[in-house]
């Protein structure tokens, strides 16, 4: 199972492996006060794509298409997440205020598709 959760929410007992999937460290969050197992910067969208998207829901479909192209080109960065999801619950952590249009939601969709294909 793969789920997405805001980094500002408390860790839950059913989170399994918690992976931060942001290129930048979340604002206002102290590293020593945050529970995560790993920070995978390289699985996040490129800086150019992140800036272009700018959390604009009108750009969501195009953002997903471009992000999936980036992920297709860098299999080695997301394969460990698929393997972790096969072993148990994987929680993708993100900092966006928008809970429906963010890179972790798109990444979860992409990884779910990869789980079904592999």
N, C-alpha and C. Protein backbone atom coordinates (compact mmCIF):
# COMPACT_ATOMS: atom_id res chain seq x y z
N UNK A 1 0.84 -1.19 0.00
CA UNK A 1 0.00 0.00 0.00
C UNK A 1 0.88 1.24 0.00
N UNK A 2 0.48 2.21 -0.80
CA UNK A 2 1.19 3.48 -0.86
C UNK A 2 0.22 4.58 -0.49
N UNK A 3 0.65 5.43 0.43
CA UNK A 3 -0.18 6.56 0.82
C UNK A 3 0.66 7.83 0.81
N UNK A 4 -0.01 8.97 0.75
CA UNK A 4 0.65 10.27 0.79
C UNK A 4 0.15 11.01 2.02
N UNK A 5 1.07 11.70 2.68
CA UNK A 5 0.71 12.41 3.92
C UNK A 5 1.56 13.68 4.02
N UNK A 6 0.95 14.74 4.51
CA UNK A 6 1.70 15.99 4.73
C UNK A 6 2.73 15.78 5.84
N UNK A 7 3.88 16.38 5.68
CA UNK A 7 4.94 16.25 6.68
C UNK A 7 4.55 16.88 8.01
N UNK A 8 3.61 17.80 7.98
CA UNK A 8 3.22 18.52 9.19
C UNK A 8 2.21 17.74 10.03
N UNK A 9 1.70 16.63 9.51
CA UNK A 9 0.80 15.78 10.27
C UNK A 9 1.63 14.84 11.14
N UNK A 10 1.14 14.48 12.31
CA UNK A 10 1.90 13.55 13.16
C UNK A 10 2.03 12.18 12.48
N UNK A 11 3.12 11.51 12.77
CA UNK A 11 3.31 10.15 12.24
C UNK A 11 2.24 9.24 12.83
N UNK A 12 1.78 8.32 11.99
CA UNK A 12 0.77 7.35 12.43
C UNK A 12 1.43 5.98 12.57
N UNK A 13 0.85 5.14 13.38
CA UNK A 13 1.43 3.81 13.61
C UNK A 13 1.37 2.94 12.37
N UNK A 14 0.45 3.25 11.44
CA UNK A 14 0.33 2.44 10.23
C UNK A 14 1.03 3.07 9.01
N UNK A 15 1.95 4.00 9.25
CA UNK A 15 2.66 4.66 8.15
C UNK A 15 3.67 3.75 7.45
N UNK A 16 4.14 2.75 8.13
CA UNK A 16 5.18 1.91 7.53
C UNK A 16 6.45 2.71 7.31
N UNK A 17 7.03 2.59 6.13
CA UNK A 17 8.23 3.34 5.79
C UNK A 17 7.82 4.74 5.36
N UNK A 18 8.42 5.75 5.99
CA UNK A 18 8.11 7.16 5.70
C UNK A 18 9.25 7.78 4.91
N UNK A 19 8.91 8.25 3.69
CA UNK A 19 9.92 8.80 2.79
C UNK A 19 9.52 10.21 2.36
N UNK A 20 10.39 11.16 2.64
CA UNK A 20 10.18 12.53 2.18
C UNK A 20 10.52 12.59 0.70
N UNK A 21 9.59 13.05 -0.12
CA UNK A 21 9.77 13.07 -1.58
C UNK A 21 9.75 14.50 -2.11
N UNK A 22 10.44 15.37 -1.43
CA UNK A 22 10.57 16.78 -1.81
C UNK A 22 12.02 17.08 -2.12
N UNK A 23 12.25 17.98 -3.06
CA UNK A 23 13.60 18.40 -3.39
C UNK A 23 14.14 19.37 -2.34
N UNK A 24 13.24 20.17 -1.75
CA UNK A 24 13.62 21.15 -0.73
C UNK A 24 13.11 20.72 0.63
N UNK A 25 13.86 21.05 1.68
CA UNK A 25 13.41 20.72 3.03
C UNK A 25 12.17 21.56 3.35
N UNK A 26 11.15 20.97 3.95
CA UNK A 26 9.91 21.70 4.27
C UNK A 26 10.16 22.85 5.25
N UNK A 27 9.52 23.96 4.97
CA UNK A 27 9.67 25.16 5.81
C UNK A 27 9.14 24.93 7.21
N UNK A 28 9.87 25.47 8.17
CA UNK A 28 9.43 25.46 9.55
C UNK A 28 9.51 24.12 10.24
N UNK A 29 10.14 23.14 9.62
CA UNK A 29 10.22 21.80 10.19
C UNK A 29 11.65 21.51 10.63
N UNK A 30 11.82 21.24 11.89
CA UNK A 30 13.15 20.90 12.41
C UNK A 30 13.44 19.43 12.10
N UNK A 31 14.63 19.17 11.63
CA UNK A 31 14.99 17.81 11.25
C UNK A 31 14.95 16.85 12.44
N UNK A 32 15.28 17.33 13.61
CA UNK A 32 15.30 16.45 14.78
C UNK A 32 13.91 16.21 15.36
N UNK A 33 12.89 16.93 14.86
CA UNK A 33 11.53 16.77 15.38
C UNK A 33 10.61 16.10 14.37
N UNK A 34 11.21 15.42 13.41
CA UNK A 34 10.44 14.88 12.31
C UNK A 34 10.81 13.42 12.10
N UNK A 35 9.81 12.55 12.05
CA UNK A 35 10.06 11.13 11.85
C UNK A 35 9.98 10.78 10.37
N UNK A 36 11.11 10.34 9.84
CA UNK A 36 11.14 9.83 8.48
C UNK A 36 12.25 8.79 8.40
N UNK A 37 12.11 7.89 7.44
CA UNK A 37 13.12 6.86 7.25
C UNK A 37 14.15 7.25 6.19
N UNK A 38 13.70 8.07 5.24
CA UNK A 38 14.61 8.44 4.16
C UNK A 38 14.10 9.71 3.49
N UNK A 39 15.05 10.45 2.90
CA UNK A 39 14.73 11.64 2.12
C UNK A 39 15.25 11.40 0.71
N UNK A 40 14.36 11.23 -0.25
CA UNK A 40 14.74 10.98 -1.64
C UNK A 40 14.48 12.23 -2.47
N UNK A 41 15.45 13.12 -2.50
CA UNK A 41 15.33 14.36 -3.26
C UNK A 41 15.18 14.09 -4.75
N UNK A 42 15.92 13.10 -5.25
CA UNK A 42 15.97 12.87 -6.69
C UNK A 42 14.69 12.29 -7.28
N UNK A 43 13.78 11.81 -6.45
CA UNK A 43 12.51 11.31 -6.97
C UNK A 43 11.49 12.45 -7.12
N UNK A 44 11.81 13.59 -6.57
CA UNK A 44 10.94 14.76 -6.69
C UNK A 44 11.05 15.35 -8.10
N UNK A 45 10.05 16.13 -8.51
CA UNK A 45 10.14 16.77 -9.82
C UNK A 45 11.36 17.67 -9.91
N UNK A 46 11.84 17.86 -11.12
CA UNK A 46 12.97 18.76 -11.33
C UNK A 46 12.60 20.17 -10.86
N UNK A 47 13.60 20.94 -10.56
CA UNK A 47 13.36 22.32 -10.13
C UNK A 47 12.59 23.08 -11.19
N UNK A 48 12.93 22.89 -12.45
CA UNK A 48 12.23 23.58 -13.54
C UNK A 48 10.75 23.20 -13.57
N UNK A 49 10.46 21.92 -13.45
CA UNK A 49 9.07 21.47 -13.49
C UNK A 49 8.31 21.97 -12.27
N UNK A 50 8.93 21.90 -11.11
CA UNK A 50 8.29 22.37 -9.88
C UNK A 50 7.93 23.85 -10.00
N UNK A 51 8.86 24.65 -10.51
CA UNK A 51 8.60 26.08 -10.66
C UNK A 51 7.51 26.34 -11.69
N UNK A 52 7.52 25.59 -12.79
CA UNK A 52 6.51 25.76 -13.82
C UNK A 52 5.12 25.44 -13.27
N UNK A 53 5.01 24.34 -12.55
CA UNK A 53 3.72 23.91 -11.99
C UNK A 53 3.20 24.92 -10.98
N UNK A 54 4.03 25.33 -10.05
CA UNK A 54 3.70 26.32 -9.04
C UNK A 54 2.37 26.02 -8.33
N UNK A 55 2.07 24.75 -8.16
CA UNK A 55 0.86 24.28 -7.47
C UNK A 55 -0.42 24.86 -8.07
N UNK A 56 -0.42 25.04 -9.37
CA UNK A 56 -1.60 25.54 -10.08
C UNK A 56 -2.44 24.35 -10.54
N UNK A 57 -3.62 24.14 -9.94
CA UNK A 57 -4.45 22.99 -10.32
C UNK A 57 -4.79 22.95 -11.82
N UNK A 58 -4.83 24.10 -12.47
CA UNK A 58 -5.12 24.12 -13.91
C UNK A 58 -4.00 23.45 -14.72
N UNK A 59 -2.81 23.34 -14.14
CA UNK A 59 -1.67 22.72 -14.82
C UNK A 59 -1.45 21.26 -14.38
N UNK A 60 -2.35 20.74 -13.58
CA UNK A 60 -2.17 19.43 -12.97
C UNK A 60 -1.94 18.31 -13.99
N UNK A 61 -2.80 18.21 -14.98
CA UNK A 61 -2.66 17.12 -15.95
C UNK A 61 -1.34 17.20 -16.70
N UNK A 62 -0.96 18.38 -17.11
CA UNK A 62 0.32 18.54 -17.82
C UNK A 62 1.50 18.31 -16.88
N UNK A 63 1.37 18.75 -15.63
CA UNK A 63 2.42 18.48 -14.64
C UNK A 63 2.63 16.98 -14.50
N UNK A 64 1.54 16.24 -14.34
CA UNK A 64 1.65 14.78 -14.19
C UNK A 64 2.32 14.16 -15.40
N UNK A 65 1.93 14.57 -16.59
CA UNK A 65 2.52 14.02 -17.81
C UNK A 65 4.03 14.27 -17.84
N UNK A 66 4.43 15.50 -17.55
CA UNK A 66 5.87 15.84 -17.57
C UNK A 66 6.63 15.13 -16.44
N UNK A 67 6.02 15.07 -15.28
CA UNK A 67 6.67 14.41 -14.14
C UNK A 67 6.85 12.92 -14.44
N UNK A 68 5.85 12.29 -15.01
CA UNK A 68 5.95 10.87 -15.35
C UNK A 68 7.04 10.64 -16.38
N UNK A 69 7.22 11.56 -17.30
CA UNK A 69 8.33 11.46 -18.26
C UNK A 69 9.67 11.52 -17.54
N UNK A 70 9.79 12.42 -16.57
CA UNK A 70 11.03 12.49 -15.79
C UNK A 70 11.26 11.18 -15.04
N UNK A 71 10.22 10.64 -14.46
CA UNK A 71 10.37 9.38 -13.72
C UNK A 71 10.72 8.23 -14.65
N UNK A 72 10.11 8.20 -15.83
CA UNK A 72 10.45 7.16 -16.81
C UNK A 72 11.93 7.16 -17.15
N UNK A 73 12.52 8.34 -17.17
CA UNK A 73 13.93 8.49 -17.54
C UNK A 73 14.88 8.18 -16.39
N UNK A 74 14.36 8.02 -15.18
CA UNK A 74 15.21 7.80 -14.00
C UNK A 74 14.67 6.67 -13.13
N UNK A 75 14.58 5.52 -13.70
CA UNK A 75 14.02 4.35 -13.03
C UNK A 75 14.71 4.04 -11.69
N UNK A 76 16.01 4.22 -11.64
CA UNK A 76 16.76 3.86 -10.44
C UNK A 76 16.35 4.67 -9.21
N UNK A 77 15.78 5.86 -9.41
CA UNK A 77 15.40 6.66 -8.24
C UNK A 77 14.09 6.21 -7.63
N UNK A 78 13.19 5.63 -8.43
CA UNK A 78 11.90 5.23 -7.86
C UNK A 78 11.77 3.73 -7.61
N UNK A 79 12.62 2.92 -8.19
CA UNK A 79 12.53 1.47 -7.97
C UNK A 79 12.58 1.06 -6.49
N UNK A 80 13.45 1.70 -5.68
CA UNK A 80 13.44 1.32 -4.25
C UNK A 80 12.10 1.57 -3.57
N UNK A 81 11.35 2.55 -4.05
CA UNK A 81 10.02 2.81 -3.48
C UNK A 81 9.04 1.71 -3.83
N UNK A 82 9.11 1.21 -5.05
CA UNK A 82 8.26 0.08 -5.46
C UNK A 82 8.58 -1.14 -4.60
N UNK A 83 9.87 -1.40 -4.40
CA UNK A 83 10.27 -2.54 -3.58
C UNK A 83 9.79 -2.37 -2.14
N UNK A 84 9.87 -1.17 -1.61
CA UNK A 84 9.39 -0.92 -0.24
C UNK A 84 7.89 -1.14 -0.16
N UNK A 85 7.15 -0.71 -1.17
CA UNK A 85 5.69 -0.89 -1.18
C UNK A 85 5.31 -2.36 -1.27
N UNK A 86 6.13 -3.14 -1.94
CA UNK A 86 5.86 -4.59 -2.01
C UNK A 86 6.01 -5.25 -0.64
N UNK A 87 6.89 -4.72 0.18
CA UNK A 87 7.15 -5.30 1.50
C UNK A 87 6.15 -4.85 2.56
N UNK A 88 5.48 -3.73 2.33
CA UNK A 88 4.55 -3.21 3.33
C UNK A 88 4.09 -1.81 2.98
N UNK A 89 3.59 -1.12 3.96
CA UNK A 89 3.07 0.23 3.72
C UNK A 89 4.20 1.21 3.48
N UNK A 90 4.00 2.06 2.48
CA UNK A 90 4.94 3.12 2.13
C UNK A 90 4.18 4.43 2.22
N UNK A 91 4.71 5.38 2.98
CA UNK A 91 4.10 6.70 3.11
C UNK A 91 5.01 7.73 2.47
N UNK A 92 4.48 8.40 1.45
CA UNK A 92 5.21 9.46 0.75
C UNK A 92 4.87 10.78 1.44
N UNK A 93 5.88 11.47 1.92
CA UNK A 93 5.68 12.71 2.67
C UNK A 93 5.91 13.92 1.78
N UNK A 94 5.02 14.89 1.89
CA UNK A 94 5.11 16.11 1.09
C UNK A 94 4.76 17.31 1.96
N UNK A 95 5.08 18.51 1.49
CA UNK A 95 4.85 19.71 2.28
C UNK A 95 3.75 20.62 1.74
N UNK A 96 3.25 20.37 0.56
CA UNK A 96 2.26 21.23 -0.07
C UNK A 96 0.99 21.37 0.77
N UNK A 97 0.37 22.54 0.69
CA UNK A 97 -0.92 22.74 1.35
C UNK A 97 -2.04 22.03 0.59
N UNK A 98 -1.87 21.91 -0.71
CA UNK A 98 -2.87 21.28 -1.57
C UNK A 98 -2.70 19.76 -1.46
N UNK A 99 -3.69 19.10 -0.90
CA UNK A 99 -3.58 17.66 -0.66
C UNK A 99 -3.96 16.83 -1.89
N UNK A 100 -4.46 17.47 -2.95
CA UNK A 100 -4.87 16.73 -4.14
C UNK A 100 -3.96 16.95 -5.34
N UNK A 101 -3.24 18.07 -5.36
CA UNK A 101 -2.41 18.43 -6.51
C UNK A 101 -0.98 18.68 -6.04
N UNK A 102 -0.25 17.61 -5.80
CA UNK A 102 1.14 17.75 -5.36
C UNK A 102 1.95 16.57 -5.88
N UNK A 103 3.25 16.68 -5.80
CA UNK A 103 4.11 15.66 -6.38
C UNK A 103 3.95 14.29 -5.72
N UNK A 104 3.65 14.23 -4.44
CA UNK A 104 3.50 12.93 -3.78
C UNK A 104 2.25 12.20 -4.29
N UNK A 105 1.19 12.92 -4.54
CA UNK A 105 -0.02 12.32 -5.09
C UNK A 105 0.26 11.77 -6.49
N UNK A 106 0.95 12.57 -7.30
CA UNK A 106 1.31 12.12 -8.65
C UNK A 106 2.26 10.93 -8.57
N UNK A 107 3.24 10.99 -7.68
CA UNK A 107 4.19 9.89 -7.53
C UNK A 107 3.49 8.62 -7.08
N UNK A 108 2.55 8.73 -6.17
CA UNK A 108 1.79 7.56 -5.72
C UNK A 108 1.06 6.92 -6.91
N UNK A 109 0.45 7.74 -7.74
CA UNK A 109 -0.23 7.23 -8.93
C UNK A 109 0.76 6.50 -9.84
N UNK A 110 1.91 7.09 -10.05
CA UNK A 110 2.94 6.50 -10.92
C UNK A 110 3.43 5.17 -10.33
N UNK A 111 3.72 5.16 -9.04
CA UNK A 111 4.23 3.94 -8.40
C UNK A 111 3.18 2.84 -8.38
N UNK A 112 1.93 3.19 -8.17
CA UNK A 112 0.84 2.20 -8.22
C UNK A 112 0.80 1.54 -9.60
N UNK A 113 0.95 2.33 -10.64
CA UNK A 113 0.96 1.78 -12.00
C UNK A 113 2.15 0.86 -12.20
N UNK A 114 3.30 1.23 -11.65
CA UNK A 114 4.49 0.39 -11.79
C UNK A 114 4.32 -0.92 -11.03
N UNK A 115 3.69 -0.89 -9.88
CA UNK A 115 3.43 -2.11 -9.12
C UNK A 115 2.56 -3.07 -9.91
N UNK A 116 1.61 -2.53 -10.64
CA UNK A 116 0.70 -3.36 -11.44
C UNK A 116 1.35 -3.91 -12.69
N UNK A 117 2.38 -3.21 -13.21
CA UNK A 117 3.04 -3.63 -14.43
C UNK A 117 4.17 -4.62 -14.18
N UNK A 118 4.89 -4.44 -13.08
CA UNK A 118 6.07 -5.26 -12.81
C UNK A 118 5.72 -6.61 -12.22
